Amino acid sequence: MSVELRAGESQESILRRFRKSVMESRIIPLSRNKRWFTSKSEVRRIKKQKAIRKAKLTTMAE
């Protein structure tokens, strides 16, 4: 990821644009997920648990 310097731009604004571009490209969450290997069955199990948790929260809110 890189950000080009604009004429007369301060370091704070460059840093702000860089952080915004990193957040928009979702680099950090992807790198966190790929830090360790997780099998496909483990990923499916986690997604299923999240769906169950979300369903419980929505039924409790109603």
N, C-alpha and C. Protein backbone atom coordinates (compact mmCIF):
# COMPACT_ATOMS: atom_id res chain seq x y z
N MET A 1 0.86 -1.16 0.00
CA MET A 1 0.00 0.00 0.00
C MET A 1 0.91 1.23 0.00
N SER A 2 0.58 2.17 -0.83
CA SER A 2 1.37 3.40 -0.87
C SER A 2 0.46 4.59 -1.13
N VAL A 3 0.92 5.75 -0.69
CA VAL A 3 0.20 7.01 -0.88
C VAL A 3 1.19 8.01 -1.44
N GLU A 4 0.80 8.68 -2.52
CA GLU A 4 1.70 9.65 -3.13
C GLU A 4 1.54 11.02 -2.46
N LEU A 5 2.65 11.70 -2.32
CA LEU A 5 2.69 13.01 -1.69
C LEU A 5 2.09 14.05 -2.63
N ARG A 6 1.16 14.82 -2.12
CA ARG A 6 0.58 15.92 -2.88
C ARG A 6 1.33 17.20 -2.54
N ALA A 7 1.28 18.15 -3.44
CA ALA A 7 2.01 19.40 -3.24
C ALA A 7 1.47 20.14 -2.02
N GLY A 8 2.35 20.50 -1.10
CA GLY A 8 1.97 21.27 0.08
C GLY A 8 1.18 20.50 1.10
N GLU A 9 1.23 19.17 1.08
CA GLU A 9 0.45 18.36 2.01
C GLU A 9 1.26 18.08 3.28
N SER A 10 0.61 18.14 4.42
CA SER A 10 1.31 17.88 5.68
C SER A 10 1.43 16.37 5.93
N GLN A 11 2.31 16.03 6.84
CA GLN A 11 2.53 14.62 7.17
C GLN A 11 1.30 14.01 7.82
N GLU A 12 0.56 14.79 8.59
CA GLU A 12 -0.64 14.28 9.24
C GLU A 12 -1.69 13.86 8.22
N SER A 13 -1.86 14.69 7.18
CA SER A 13 -2.88 14.35 6.17
C SER A 13 -2.45 13.17 5.32
N ILE A 14 -1.16 13.03 5.07
CA ILE A 14 -0.67 11.85 4.34
C ILE A 14 -0.94 10.60 5.15
N LEU A 15 -0.62 10.66 6.43
CA LEU A 15 -0.84 9.52 7.31
C LEU A 15 -2.32 9.17 7.39
N ARG A 16 -3.18 10.18 7.45
CA ARG A 16 -4.62 9.97 7.51
C ARG A 16 -5.11 9.28 6.24
N ARG A 17 -4.63 9.75 5.07
CA ARG A 17 -5.03 9.11 3.81
C ARG A 17 -4.52 7.68 3.72
N PHE A 18 -3.30 7.43 4.22
CA PHE A 18 -2.75 6.07 4.20
C PHE A 18 -3.59 5.13 5.06
N ARG A 19 -3.91 5.56 6.28
CA ARG A 19 -4.72 4.73 7.17
C ARG A 19 -6.09 4.45 6.58
N LYS A 20 -6.68 5.46 5.95
CA LYS A 20 -7.99 5.30 5.33
C LYS A 20 -7.92 4.29 4.18
N SER A 21 -6.88 4.36 3.36
CA SER A 21 -6.75 3.42 2.25
C SER A 21 -6.52 2.00 2.74
N VAL A 22 -5.77 1.85 3.83
CA VAL A 22 -5.54 0.52 4.41
C VAL A 22 -6.85 -0.05 4.95
N MET A 23 -7.65 0.78 5.63
CA MET A 23 -8.92 0.30 6.16
C MET A 23 -9.89 -0.06 5.04
N GLU A 24 -9.91 0.72 3.98
CA GLU A 24 -10.82 0.44 2.86
C GLU A 24 -10.42 -0.82 2.12
N SER A 25 -9.14 -1.12 2.03
CA SER A 25 -8.69 -2.31 1.32
C SER A 25 -8.77 -3.57 2.17
N ARG A 26 -9.07 -3.41 3.47
CA ARG A 26 -9.24 -4.53 4.41
C ARG A 26 -8.00 -5.41 4.50
N ILE A 27 -6.83 -4.80 4.48
CA ILE A 27 -5.58 -5.55 4.56
C ILE A 27 -5.38 -6.14 5.95
N ILE A 28 -5.66 -5.38 6.99
CA ILE A 28 -5.40 -5.82 8.36
C ILE A 28 -6.26 -7.03 8.75
N PRO A 29 -7.58 -7.02 8.52
CA PRO A 29 -8.35 -8.22 8.87
C PRO A 29 -7.93 -9.46 8.09
N LEU A 30 -7.57 -9.28 6.82
CA LEU A 30 -7.12 -10.43 6.03
C LEU A 30 -5.83 -11.01 6.59
N SER A 31 -4.90 -10.15 6.95
CA SER A 31 -3.63 -10.65 7.48
C SER A 31 -3.83 -11.32 8.83
N ARG A 32 -4.76 -10.81 9.63
CA ARG A 32 -5.04 -11.45 10.92
C ARG A 32 -5.64 -12.83 10.71
N ASN A 33 -6.53 -12.97 9.74
CA ASN A 33 -7.14 -14.28 9.48
C ASN A 33 -6.14 -15.27 8.92
N LYS A 34 -5.16 -14.81 8.17
CA LYS A 34 -4.19 -15.72 7.55
C LYS A 34 -2.96 -15.95 8.41
N ARG A 35 -2.95 -15.39 9.62
CA ARG A 35 -1.79 -15.55 10.50
C ARG A 35 -1.59 -17.02 10.85
N TRP A 36 -2.68 -17.73 11.11
CA TRP A 36 -2.62 -19.16 11.42
C TRP A 36 -3.51 -19.91 10.46
N PHE A 37 -3.15 -21.16 10.18
CA PHE A 37 -3.95 -21.99 9.30
C PHE A 37 -5.19 -22.48 10.04
N THR A 38 -6.33 -22.37 9.40
CA THR A 38 -7.56 -22.96 9.93
C THR A 38 -8.16 -23.82 8.84
N SER A 39 -8.52 -25.03 9.21
CA SER A 39 -9.08 -25.95 8.23
C SER A 39 -10.46 -25.49 7.80
N LYS A 40 -10.93 -26.04 6.68
CA LYS A 40 -12.24 -25.66 6.16
C LYS A 40 -13.35 -26.05 7.13
N SER A 41 -13.20 -27.20 7.77
CA SER A 41 -14.22 -27.63 8.73
C SER A 41 -14.27 -26.68 9.93
N GLU A 42 -13.11 -26.19 10.35
CA GLU A 42 -13.05 -25.25 11.46
C GLU A 42 -13.72 -23.92 11.08
N VAL A 43 -13.47 -23.46 9.86
CA VAL A 43 -14.09 -22.22 9.38
C VAL A 43 -15.60 -22.38 9.34
N ARG A 44 -16.09 -23.52 8.84
CA ARG A 44 -17.53 -23.78 8.79
C ARG A 44 -18.13 -23.81 10.20
N ARG A 45 -17.43 -24.43 11.13
CA ARG A 45 -17.92 -24.53 12.51
C ARG A 45 -18.02 -23.14 13.14
N ILE A 46 -17.01 -22.30 12.91
CA ILE A 46 -17.02 -20.95 13.47
C ILE A 46 -18.15 -20.13 12.86
N LYS A 47 -18.35 -20.24 11.54
CA LYS A 47 -19.44 -19.51 10.89
C LYS A 47 -20.79 -19.95 11.42
N LYS A 48 -20.93 -21.25 11.66
CA LYS A 48 -22.19 -21.78 12.19
C LYS A 48 -22.45 -21.24 13.59
N GLN A 49 -21.41 -21.21 14.43
CA GLN A 49 -21.55 -20.67 15.78
C GLN A 49 -21.93 -19.19 15.75
N LYS A 50 -21.33 -18.43 14.85
CA LYS A 50 -21.65 -17.00 14.74
C LYS A 50 -23.10 -16.81 14.30
N ALA A 51 -23.57 -17.65 13.37
CA ALA A 51 -24.95 -17.55 12.90
C ALA A 51 -25.92 -17.87 14.03
N ILE A 52 -25.61 -18.89 14.82
CA ILE A 52 -26.47 -19.25 15.95
C ILE A 52 -26.51 -18.11 16.97
N ARG A 53 -25.35 -17.55 17.28
CA ARG A 53 -25.26 -16.44 18.23
C ARG A 53 -26.06 -15.23 17.73
N LYS A 54 -25.93 -14.94 16.44
CA LYS A 54 -26.64 -13.81 15.84
C LYS A 54 -28.14 -14.05 15.88
N ALA A 55 -28.57 -15.27 15.59
CA ALA A 55 -29.99 -15.59 15.61
C ALA A 55 -30.56 -15.44 17.02
N LYS A 56 -29.80 -15.86 18.02
CA LYS A 56 -30.25 -15.70 19.41
C LYS A 56 -30.40 -14.23 19.79
N LEU A 57 -29.44 -13.42 19.35
CA LEU A 57 -29.50 -11.99 19.67
C LEU A 57 -30.70 -11.31 19.01
N THR A 58 -30.98 -11.69 17.77
CA THR A 58 -32.11 -11.05 17.08
C THR A 58 -33.45 -11.49 17.67
N THR A 59 -33.54 -12.74 18.12
CA THR A 59 -34.80 -13.19 18.73
C THR A 59 -34.98 -12.57 20.11
N MET A 60 -33.88 -12.33 20.82
CA MET A 60 -33.98 -11.72 22.14
C MET A 60 -34.36 -10.24 22.03
N ALA A 61 -33.94 -9.60 20.96
CA ALA A 61 -34.20 -8.17 20.77
C ALA A 61 -35.66 -7.92 20.41
N GLU A 62 -36.31 -8.90 19.83
CA GLU A 62 -37.68 -8.70 19.37
C GLU A 62 -38.66 -8.81 20.48
